[in-house]
Amino acid sequence: MSKTDSFALKMRLEKSKKMADEISKICNINQDVYKALANSERELFVPKGFGKHAYKLDALPLVANQWISSPLTVAKMSEALTCIGTDSVLEIGCGSGYQALILSKLIRRVISIERVERLAKEAKERFKQLGIHSINVRFDDGQNGWRDYAPYDRILFSASIKEIPEKIFKQLKIDGILVAPIEKGEKQIITRFIKTKSGIQTQILDECLFVPVVEGKTK
């Protein structure tokens, strides 16, 4: 790495740490989530021209009417998953890949599905350039899940939905946790589902704002 590249990396990580500090003052996050945020270069996952906004607590636009979530929302969703001691996670809605990057620092194996082909290809390329091999991205309708790697310890929806499909719950391990933004009227609520032998337990956590789940695939 050249001196110029090394300096640029240092600056990005300093901005990441300041962002993580800001988030930790707003909401309660554990040290693992804090470190994941502080050591992840969000600037590499935002569209060109938005670099100066990368470390603000704002969602930013992507192609195909998609968005990269606010880092504050990413922190809340990651915290809600309670990732300690887990081996695998399925993310539905990869987008630019930033949430998957955070998850990869918390969970050994990340499986992420994206329905927009361009976004899926770009996310794969980012992870390749960063030398990250623990994230597997698939171009598909996220509502199908990915049965080849199931069952999962954790499942995360990075898009809002009215109701979790039964086929997704079937891909979650017993005692596993699923976190999703559930649509309730005009609101979206971060909701945690815990799968037990006797059924699904539900916990209401916080309001949020995501783009909705859309059926099918697109370029």
C-alpha atoms as a PDB file:
ATOM      1  CA  MET A   1       0.000   0.000   0.000  1.00  0.00           C
ATOM      2  CA  SER A   2       1.382   3.418  -0.980  1.00  0.00           C
ATOM      3  CA  LYS A   3       1.724   6.266   1.512  1.00  0.00           C
ATOM      4  CA  THR A   4      -1.162   8.032  -0.203  1.00  0.00           C
ATOM      5  CA  ASP A   5      -3.438   4.981   0.078  1.00  0.00           C
ATOM      6  CA  SER A   6      -2.362   4.417   3.680  1.00  0.00           C
ATOM      7  CA  PHE A   7      -3.194   8.014   4.587  1.00  0.00           C
ATOM      8  CA  ALA A   8      -6.589   7.786   2.854  1.00  0.00           C
ATOM      9  CA  LEU A   9      -7.392   4.587   4.772  1.00  0.00           C
ATOM     10  CA  LYS A  10      -6.385   6.213   8.050  1.00  0.00           C
ATOM     11  CA  MET A  11      -8.667   9.190   7.355  1.00  0.00           C
ATOM     12  CA  ARG A  12     -11.623   6.951   6.455  1.00  0.00           C
ATOM     13  CA  LEU A  13     -11.210   4.944   9.654  1.00  0.00           C
ATOM     14  CA  GLU A  14     -10.978   8.115  11.737  1.00  0.00           C
ATOM     15  CA  LYS A  15     -14.268   9.264  10.223  1.00  0.00           C
ATOM     16  CA  SER A  16     -15.768   5.828  10.872  1.00  0.00           C
ATOM     17  CA  LYS A  17     -14.779   6.008  14.533  1.00  0.00           C
ATOM     18  CA  LYS A  18     -16.282   9.482  14.939  1.00  0.00           C
ATOM     19  CA  MET A  19     -19.489   8.180  13.354  1.00  0.00           C
ATOM     20  CA  ALA A  20     -19.535   5.183  15.712  1.00  0.00           C
ATOM     21  CA  ASP A  21     -18.997   7.533  18.670  1.00  0.00           C
ATOM     22  CA  GLU A  22     -21.939   9.664  17.527  1.00  0.00           C
ATOM     23  CA  ILE A  23     -24.166   6.605  17.162  1.00  0.00           C
ATOM     24  CA  SER A  24     -23.208   5.271  20.600  1.00  0.00           C
ATOM     25  CA  LYS A  25     -24.403   8.552  22.152  1.00  0.00           C
ATOM     26  CA  ILE A  26     -27.825   8.152  20.523  1.00  0.00           C
ATOM     27  CA  CYS A  27     -28.560   4.471  21.046  1.00  0.00           C
ATOM     28  CA  ASN A  28     -27.246   1.619  23.167  1.00  0.00           C
ATOM     29  CA  ILE A  29     -24.910  -0.612  21.156  1.00  0.00           C
ATOM     30  CA  ASN A  30     -22.514  -3.241  22.467  1.00  0.00           C
ATOM     31  CA  GLN A  31     -18.757  -3.103  21.968  1.00  0.00           C
ATOM     32  CA  ASP A  32     -18.801  -5.602  19.101  1.00  0.00           C
ATOM     33  CA  VAL A  33     -21.258  -3.497  17.087  1.00  0.00           C
ATOM     34  CA  TYR A  34     -19.335  -0.333  17.960  1.00  0.00           C
ATOM     35  CA  LYS A  35     -16.049  -1.849  16.736  1.00  0.00           C
ATOM     36  CA  ALA A  36     -17.697  -3.122  13.548  1.00  0.00           C
ATOM     37  CA  LEU A  37     -18.950   0.391  12.745  1.00  0.00           C
ATOM     38  CA  ALA A  38     -15.660   2.035  13.692  1.00  0.00           C
ATOM     39  CA  ASN A  39     -13.660  -0.311  11.464  1.00  0.00           C
ATOM     40  CA  SER A  40     -15.899  -0.252   8.379  1.00  0.00           C
ATOM     41  CA  GLU A  41     -15.310   2.285   5.615  1.00  0.00           C
ATOM     42  CA  ARG A  42     -18.841   3.366   4.673  1.00  0.00           C
ATOM     43  CA  GLU A  43     -17.386   5.728   2.088  1.00  0.00           C
ATOM     44  CA  LEU A  44     -16.562   2.720  -0.120  1.00  0.00           C
ATOM     45  CA  PHE A  45     -20.229   1.688  -0.190  1.00  0.00           C
ATOM     46  CA  VAL A  46     -21.959   4.954  -1.124  1.00  0.00           C
ATOM     47  CA  PRO A  47     -22.508   6.181  -4.707  1.00  0.00           C
ATOM     48  CA  LYS A  48     -19.880   8.329  -6.403  1.00  0.00           C
ATOM     49  CA  GLY A  49     -20.328  11.963  -5.504  1.00  0.00           C
ATOM     50  CA  PHE A  50     -21.691  11.183  -2.031  1.00  0.00           C
ATOM     51  CA  GLY A  51     -18.369  10.531  -0.315  1.00  0.00           C
ATOM     52  CA  LYS A  52     -18.559  13.685   1.780  1.00  0.00           C
ATOM     53  CA  HIS A  53     -21.902  12.496   3.158  1.00  0.00           C
ATOM     54  CA  ALA A  54     -20.780   8.924   3.876  1.00  0.00           C
ATOM     55  CA  TYR A  55     -20.237   9.381   7.611  1.00  0.00           C
ATOM     56  CA  LYS A  56     -23.360  11.418   8.314  1.00  0.00           C
ATOM     57  CA  LEU A  57     -26.276   9.596   9.917  1.00  0.00           C
ATOM     58  CA  ASP A  58     -28.316   9.749   6.723  1.00  0.00           C
ATOM     59  CA  ALA A  59     -29.635   7.206   4.253  1.00  0.00           C
ATOM     60  CA  LEU A  60     -28.285   7.760   0.735  1.00  0.00           C
ATOM     61  CA  PRO A  61     -29.784   6.916  -2.684  1.00  0.00           C
ATOM     62  CA  LEU A  62     -28.664   4.005  -4.842  1.00  0.00           C
ATOM     63  CA  VAL A  63     -29.771   2.847  -8.293  1.00  0.00           C
ATOM     64  CA  ALA A  64     -33.239   1.374  -8.966  1.00  0.00           C
ATOM     65  CA  ASN A  65     -34.892   3.469  -6.233  1.00  0.00           C
ATOM     66  CA  GLN A  66     -32.896   1.671  -3.534  1.00  0.00           C
ATOM     67  CA  TRP A  67     -31.103   3.254  -0.571  1.00  0.00           C
ATOM     68  CA  ILE A  68     -28.121   2.558   1.642  1.00  0.00           C
ATOM     69  CA  SER A  69     -29.557   2.683   5.149  1.00  0.00           C
ATOM     70  CA  SER A  70     -28.577   5.282   7.706  1.00  0.00           C
ATOM     71  CA  PRO A  71     -25.623   4.000   9.764  1.00  0.00           C
ATOM     72  CA  LEU A  72     -27.757   4.633  12.847  1.00  0.00           C
ATOM     73  CA  THR A  73     -30.376   2.223  11.494  1.00  0.00           C
ATOM     74  CA  VAL A  74     -27.661  -0.297  10.579  1.00  0.00           C
ATOM     75  CA  ALA A  75     -26.417  -0.097  14.161  1.00  0.00           C
ATOM     76  CA  LYS A  76     -29.908  -0.661  15.597  1.00  0.00           C
ATOM     77  CA  MET A  77     -30.605  -3.613  13.317  1.00  0.00           C
ATOM     78  CA  SER A  78     -27.216  -5.199  14.075  1.00  0.00           C
ATOM     79  CA  GLU A  79     -27.717  -4.729  17.811  1.00  0.00           C
ATOM     80  CA  ALA A  80     -31.186  -6.281  17.619  1.00  0.00           C
ATOM     81  CA  LEU A  81     -29.725  -9.462  16.082  1.00  0.00           C
ATOM     82  CA  THR A  82     -27.671 -10.174  19.246  1.00  0.00           C
ATOM     83  CA  CYS A  83     -24.873 -11.719  17.181  1.00  0.00           C
ATOM     84  CA  ILE A  84     -22.506 -12.970  19.895  1.00  0.00           C
ATOM     85  CA  GLY A  85     -21.682 -16.650  19.431  1.00  0.00           C
ATOM     86  CA  THR A  86     -23.489 -17.011  16.107  1.00  0.00           C
ATOM     87  CA  ASP A  87     -22.153 -18.710  12.984  1.00  0.00           C
ATOM     88  CA  SER A  88     -24.408 -17.748  10.060  1.00  0.00           C
ATOM     89  CA  VAL A  89     -26.753 -14.957   8.996  1.00  0.00           C
ATOM     90  CA  LEU A  90     -29.025 -14.482   5.989  1.00  0.00           C
ATOM     91  CA  GLU A  91     -29.562 -10.884   4.893  1.00  0.00           C
ATOM     92  CA  ILE A  92     -32.466 -10.079   2.597  1.00  0.00           C
ATOM     93  CA  GLY A  93     -31.678  -6.880   0.698  1.00  0.00           C
ATOM     94  CA  CYS A  94     -27.926  -6.510   0.168  1.00  0.00           C
ATOM     95  CA  GLY A  95     -28.037  -3.092  -1.499  1.00  0.00           C
ATOM     96  CA  SER A  96     -24.521  -1.662  -1.672  1.00  0.00           C
ATOM     97  CA  GLY A  97     -23.297  -4.254   0.840  1.00  0.00           C
ATOM     98  CA  TYR A  98     -22.636  -1.990   3.842  1.00  0.00           C
ATOM     99  CA  GLN A  99     -24.920  -3.854   6.249  1.00  0.00           C
ATOM    100  CA  ALA A 100     -23.405  -7.157   5.113  1.00  0.00           C
ATOM    101  CA  LEU A 101     -19.947  -5.712   5.796  1.00  0.00           C
ATOM    102  CA  ILE A 102     -20.953  -4.854   9.374  1.00  0.00           C
ATOM    103  CA  LEU A 103     -22.450  -8.326   9.845  1.00  0.00           C
ATOM    104  CA  SER A 104     -19.254  -9.952   8.566  1.00  0.00           C
ATOM    105  CA  LYS A 105     -17.417  -8.421  11.529  1.00  0.00           C
ATOM    106  CA  LEU A 106     -19.969  -9.923  13.935  1.00  0.00           C
ATOM    107  CA  ILE A 107     -20.860 -13.305  12.406  1.00  0.00           C
ATOM    108  CA  ARG A 108     -18.561 -15.819  10.707  1.00  0.00           C
ATOM    109  CA  ARG A 109     -20.616 -16.432   7.554  1.00  0.00           C
ATOM    110  CA  VAL A 110     -22.882 -13.887   5.812  1.00  0.00           C
ATOM    111  CA  ILE A 111     -25.311 -14.845   3.053  1.00  0.00           C
ATOM    112  CA  SER A 112     -26.842 -11.780   1.369  1.00  0.00           C
ATOM    113  CA  ILE A 113     -29.531 -11.673  -1.328  1.00  0.00           C
ATOM    114  CA  GLU A 114     -30.149  -8.756  -3.701  1.00  0.00           C
ATOM    115  CA  ARG A 115     -32.940  -8.540  -6.300  1.00  0.00           C
ATOM    116  CA  VAL A 116     -31.278  -5.755  -8.363  1.00  0.00           C
ATOM    117  CA  GLU A 117     -28.614  -7.395 -10.529  1.00  0.00           C
ATOM    118  CA  ARG A 118     -26.415  -4.297 -10.833  1.00  0.00           C
ATOM    119  CA  LEU A 119     -26.307  -3.827  -7.053  1.00  0.00           C
ATOM    120  CA  ALA A 120     -25.524  -7.518  -6.499  1.00  0.00           C
ATOM    121  CA  LYS A 121     -22.613  -7.382  -8.977  1.00  0.00           C
ATOM    122  CA  GLU A 122     -21.245  -4.159  -7.475  1.00  0.00           C
ATOM    123  CA  ALA A 123     -21.443  -5.547  -3.926  1.00  0.00           C
ATOM    124  CA  LYS A 124     -19.591  -8.709  -4.983  1.00  0.00           C
ATOM    125  CA  GLU A 125     -16.868  -6.608  -6.579  1.00  0.00           C
ATOM    126  CA  ARG A 126     -16.473  -4.435  -3.471  1.00  0.00           C
ATOM    127  CA  PHE A 127     -16.037  -7.464  -1.241  1.00  0.00           C
ATOM    128  CA  LYS A 128     -13.547  -8.960  -3.699  1.00  0.00           C
ATOM    129  CA  GLN A 129     -11.474  -5.771  -3.746  1.00  0.00           C
ATOM    130  CA  LEU A 130     -11.532  -5.626   0.057  1.00  0.00           C
ATOM    131  CA  GLY A 131     -10.420  -9.257   0.269  1.00  0.00           C
ATOM    132  CA  ILE A 132     -13.527 -10.306   2.187  1.00  0.00           C
ATOM    133  CA  HIS A 133     -14.401 -13.945   1.558  1.00  0.00           C
ATOM    134  CA  SER A 134     -16.959 -14.563   4.312  1.00  0.00           C
ATOM    135  CA  ILE A 135     -19.792 -12.785   2.461  1.00  0.00           C
ATOM    136  CA  ASN A 136     -21.668 -14.639  -0.271  1.00  0.00           C
ATOM    137  CA  VAL A 137     -23.984 -12.486  -2.427  1.00  0.00           C
ATOM    138  CA  ARG A 138     -26.775 -13.965  -4.539  1.00  0.00           C
ATOM    139  CA  PHE A 139     -28.875 -12.255  -7.219  1.00  0.00           C
ATOM    140  CA  ASP A 140     -32.449 -13.402  -6.498  1.00  0.00           C
ATOM    141  CA  ASP A 141     -35.817 -12.484  -5.037  1.00  0.00           C
ATOM    142  CA  GLY A 142     -35.033 -12.224  -1.328  1.00  0.00           C
ATOM    143  CA  GLN A 143     -38.387 -13.652  -0.325  1.00  0.00           C
ATOM    144  CA  ASN A 144     -37.135 -17.037  -1.507  1.00  0.00           C
ATOM    145  CA  GLY A 145     -34.306 -16.993   1.026  1.00  0.00           C
ATOM    146  CA  TRP A 146     -31.395 -19.318   0.256  1.00  0.00           C
ATOM    147  CA  ARG A 147     -32.162 -22.878   1.296  1.00  0.00           C
ATOM    148  CA  ASP A 148     -28.749 -24.253   0.284  1.00  0.00           C
ATOM    149  CA  TYR A 149     -27.142 -22.670   3.350  1.00  0.00           C
ATOM    150  CA  ALA A 150     -30.082 -22.993   5.754  1.00  0.00           C
ATOM    151  CA  PRO A 151     -30.819 -23.204   8.596  1.00  0.00           C
ATOM    152  CA  TYR A 152     -29.419 -19.864   9.761  1.00  0.00           C
ATOM    153  CA  ASP A 153     -28.662 -18.631  13.261  1.00  0.00           C
ATOM    154  CA  ARG A 154     -29.900 -15.179  12.280  1.00  0.00           C
ATOM    155  CA  ILE A 155     -31.957 -13.605   9.487  1.00  0.00           C
ATOM    156  CA  LEU A 156     -32.091  -9.871   8.784  1.00  0.00           C
ATOM    157  CA  PHE A 157     -34.464  -8.019   6.461  1.00  0.00           C
ATOM    158  CA  SER A 158     -32.891  -4.840   5.097  1.00  0.00           C
ATOM    159  CA  ALA A 159     -36.224  -3.861   3.526  1.00  0.00           C
ATOM    160  CA  SER A 160     -39.675  -3.417   5.047  1.00  0.00           C
ATOM    161  CA  ILE A 161     -42.377  -6.059   4.776  1.00  0.00           C
ATOM    162  CA  LYS A 162     -45.926  -6.508   6.056  1.00  0.00           C
ATOM    163  CA  GLU A 163     -45.484 -10.130   7.093  1.00  0.00           C
ATOM    164  CA  ILE A 164     -42.575 -12.577   7.180  1.00  0.00           C
ATOM    165  CA  PRO A 165     -43.079 -15.415   4.645  1.00  0.00           C
ATOM    166  CA  GLU A 166     -43.371 -18.837   6.251  1.00  0.00           C
ATOM    167  CA  LYS A 167     -40.645 -20.180   3.937  1.00  0.00           C
ATOM    168  CA  ILE A 168     -38.211 -17.702   5.540  1.00  0.00           C
ATOM    169  CA  PHE A 169     -39.083 -18.786   9.073  1.00  0.00           C
ATOM    170  CA  LYS A 170     -38.433 -22.373   7.953  1.00  0.00           C
ATOM    171  CA  GLN A 171     -34.843 -21.362   7.098  1.00  0.00           C
ATOM    172  CA  LEU A 172     -34.236 -20.099  10.662  1.00  0.00           C
ATOM    173  CA  LYS A 173     -32.798 -22.414  13.316  1.00  0.00           C
ATOM    174  CA  ILE A 174     -34.667 -23.221  16.511  1.00  0.00           C
ATOM    175  CA  ASP A 175     -33.658 -20.521  19.036  1.00  0.00           C
ATOM    176  CA  GLY A 176     -32.628 -18.371  16.059  1.00  0.00           C
ATOM    177  CA  ILE A 177     -33.484 -14.671  15.744  1.00  0.00           C
ATOM    178  CA  LEU A 178     -35.009 -12.810  12.796  1.00  0.00           C
ATOM    179  CA  VAL A 179     -35.076  -9.004  12.711  1.00  0.00           C
ATOM    180  CA  ALA A 180     -37.182  -7.083  10.214  1.00  0.00           C
ATOM    181  CA  PRO A 181     -38.832  -3.688   9.654  1.00  0.00           C
ATOM    182  CA  ILE A 182     -42.519  -4.628   9.818  1.00  0.00           C
ATOM    183  CA  GLU A 183     -45.059  -2.331   8.155  1.00  0.00           C
ATOM    184  CA  LYS A 184     -47.823  -1.229  10.540  1.00  0.00           C
ATOM    185  CA  GLY A 185     -50.130   1.209   8.778  1.00  0.00           C
ATOM    186  CA  GLU A 186     -47.926   4.132   7.742  1.00  0.00           C
ATOM    187  CA  LYS A 187     -45.189   3.192  10.201  1.00  0.00           C
ATOM    188  CA  GLN A 188     -42.346   0.691  10.084  1.00  0.00           C
ATOM    189  CA  ILE A 189     -41.290  -1.018  13.290  1.00  0.00           C
ATOM    190  CA  ILE A 190     -38.017  -2.882  13.903  1.00  0.00           C
ATOM    191  CA  THR A 191     -39.324  -6.214  15.156  1.00  0.00           C
ATOM    192  CA  ARG A 192     -37.410  -9.169  16.603  1.00  0.00           C
ATOM    193  CA  PHE A 193     -38.757 -12.685  16.152  1.00  0.00           C
ATOM    194  CA  ILE A 194     -37.373 -15.580  18.184  1.00  0.00           C
ATOM    195  CA  LYS A 195     -38.088 -19.066  16.865  1.00  0.00           C
ATOM    196  CA  THR A 196     -38.696 -21.596  19.637  1.00  0.00           C
ATOM    197  CA  LYS A 197     -39.837 -25.207  19.628  1.00  0.00           C
ATOM    198  CA  SER A 198     -43.292 -24.033  20.632  1.00  0.00           C
ATOM    199  CA  GLY A 199     -43.605 -21.180  18.113  1.00  0.00           C
ATOM    200  CA  ILE A 200     -42.504 -17.632  17.273  1.00  0.00           C
ATOM    201  CA  GLN A 201     -42.022 -15.012  19.976  1.00  0.00           C
ATOM    202  CA  THR A 202     -42.291 -11.366  18.912  1.00  0.00           C
ATOM    203  CA  GLN A 203     -40.611  -8.288  20.377  1.00  0.00           C
ATOM    204  CA  ILE A 204     -41.375  -4.728  19.227  1.00  0.00           C
ATOM    205  CA  LEU A 205     -38.260  -2.529  19.286  1.00  0.00           C
ATOM    206  CA  ASP A 206     -38.174   0.819  17.450  1.00  0.00           C
ATOM    207  CA  GLU A 207     -39.514   2.824  14.520  1.00  0.00           C
ATOM    208  CA  CYS A 208     -37.475   2.902  11.314  1.00  0.00           C
ATOM    209  CA  LEU A 209     -37.628   3.709   7.610  1.00  0.00           C
ATOM    210  CA  PHE A 210     -36.704   1.305   4.798  1.00  0.00           C
ATOM    211  CA  VAL A 211     -37.631   0.785   1.164  1.00  0.00           C
ATOM    212  CA  PRO A 212     -40.205  -2.015   0.874  1.00  0.00           C
ATOM    213  CA  VAL A 213     -39.552  -5.595  -0.176  1.00  0.00           C
ATOM    214  CA  VAL A 214     -40.409  -6.036  -3.866  1.00  0.00           C
ATOM    215  CA  GLU A 215     -41.152  -9.341  -5.562  1.00  0.00           C
ATOM    216  CA  GLY A 216     -39.081 -10.641  -8.440  1.00  0.00           C
ATOM    217  CA  LYS A 217     -35.709  -9.647  -9.875  1.00  0.00           C
ATOM    218  CA  THR A 218     -34.562  -6.708 -12.011  1.00  0.00           C
ATOM    219  CA  LYS A 219     -31.439  -5.469 -13.749  1.00  0.00           C
END
